[in-house]
């Protein structure tokens, strides 16, 4: 398995509580930096659809 390094958003600044992302073979992996043992793995298409949904505000009613 080929993993790239974990990356966090530049908007996180020096904060340690953020979402990190990396690629692993053909998957995208997401984790919270303060709970690094829990990793969500998904396909690039699914992650792109999730980001589009979030940006469109379609999940705001769950907040």
Protein backbone atom coordinates (compact mmCIF):
# COMPACT_ATOMS: atom_id res chain seq x y z
CA UNK A 1 0.00 0.00 0.00
CA UNK A 2 1.41 3.40 -0.99
CA UNK A 3 0.41 6.21 1.35
CA UNK A 4 1.12 9.88 0.84
CA UNK A 5 1.81 12.10 3.87
CA UNK A 6 -1.15 13.45 5.84
CA UNK A 7 -2.08 17.03 4.89
CA UNK A 8 -4.21 19.53 6.74
CA UNK A 9 -5.87 22.66 5.48
CA UNK A 10 -3.78 25.82 5.47
CA UNK A 11 -6.78 27.43 7.19
CA UNK A 12 -6.10 25.28 10.25
CA UNK A 13 -3.03 27.34 11.04
CA UNK A 14 -1.17 26.03 14.05
CA UNK A 15 -4.25 24.29 15.50
CA UNK A 16 -3.97 20.57 16.07
CA UNK A 17 -7.70 19.86 15.90
CA UNK A 18 -8.41 19.62 12.19
CA UNK A 19 -9.31 17.18 9.46
CA UNK A 20 -6.37 15.67 7.59
CA UNK A 21 -6.40 14.01 4.18
CA UNK A 22 -4.11 11.79 2.14
CA UNK A 23 -4.23 9.39 -0.78
CA UNK A 24 -3.64 5.70 -0.31
CA UNK A 25 -3.41 3.69 -3.52
CA UNK A 26 -6.76 4.41 -5.22
CA UNK A 27 -8.53 5.69 -2.10
CA UNK A 28 -8.78 8.97 -0.21
CA UNK A 29 -8.33 8.78 3.56
CA UNK A 30 -9.67 11.30 6.08
CA UNK A 31 -9.02 11.55 9.81
CA UNK A 32 -9.26 14.03 12.66
CA UNK A 33 -5.79 15.01 13.80
CA UNK A 34 -6.69 14.59 17.48
CA UNK A 35 -7.99 11.02 16.89
CA UNK A 36 -5.59 9.66 14.28
CA UNK A 37 -6.50 6.00 14.79
CA UNK A 38 -9.95 6.47 13.23
CA UNK A 39 -9.62 6.72 9.45
CA UNK A 40 -12.42 7.07 6.90
CA UNK A 41 -11.53 5.55 3.51
CA UNK A 42 -13.47 6.33 0.36
CA UNK A 43 -13.15 6.71 -3.39
CA UNK A 44 -12.18 10.05 -4.95
CA UNK A 45 -15.61 10.28 -6.61
CA UNK A 46 -17.45 9.84 -3.32
CA UNK A 47 -15.26 12.41 -1.54
CA UNK A 48 -15.79 14.89 -4.41
CA UNK A 49 -19.57 14.38 -4.16
CA UNK A 50 -19.43 14.91 -0.38
CA UNK A 51 -17.47 18.16 -0.78
CA UNK A 52 -19.91 19.40 -3.44
CA UNK A 53 -22.83 18.61 -1.12
CA UNK A 54 -21.19 20.43 1.81
CA UNK A 55 -20.32 23.49 -0.30
CA UNK A 56 -23.90 23.64 -1.60
CA UNK A 57 -25.17 23.78 1.99
CA UNK A 58 -27.28 20.67 1.58
CA UNK A 59 -26.25 19.32 4.99
CA UNK A 60 -26.66 22.55 6.96
CA UNK A 61 -29.98 21.41 8.42
CA UNK A 62 -28.10 18.65 10.30
CA UNK A 63 -25.95 21.11 12.25
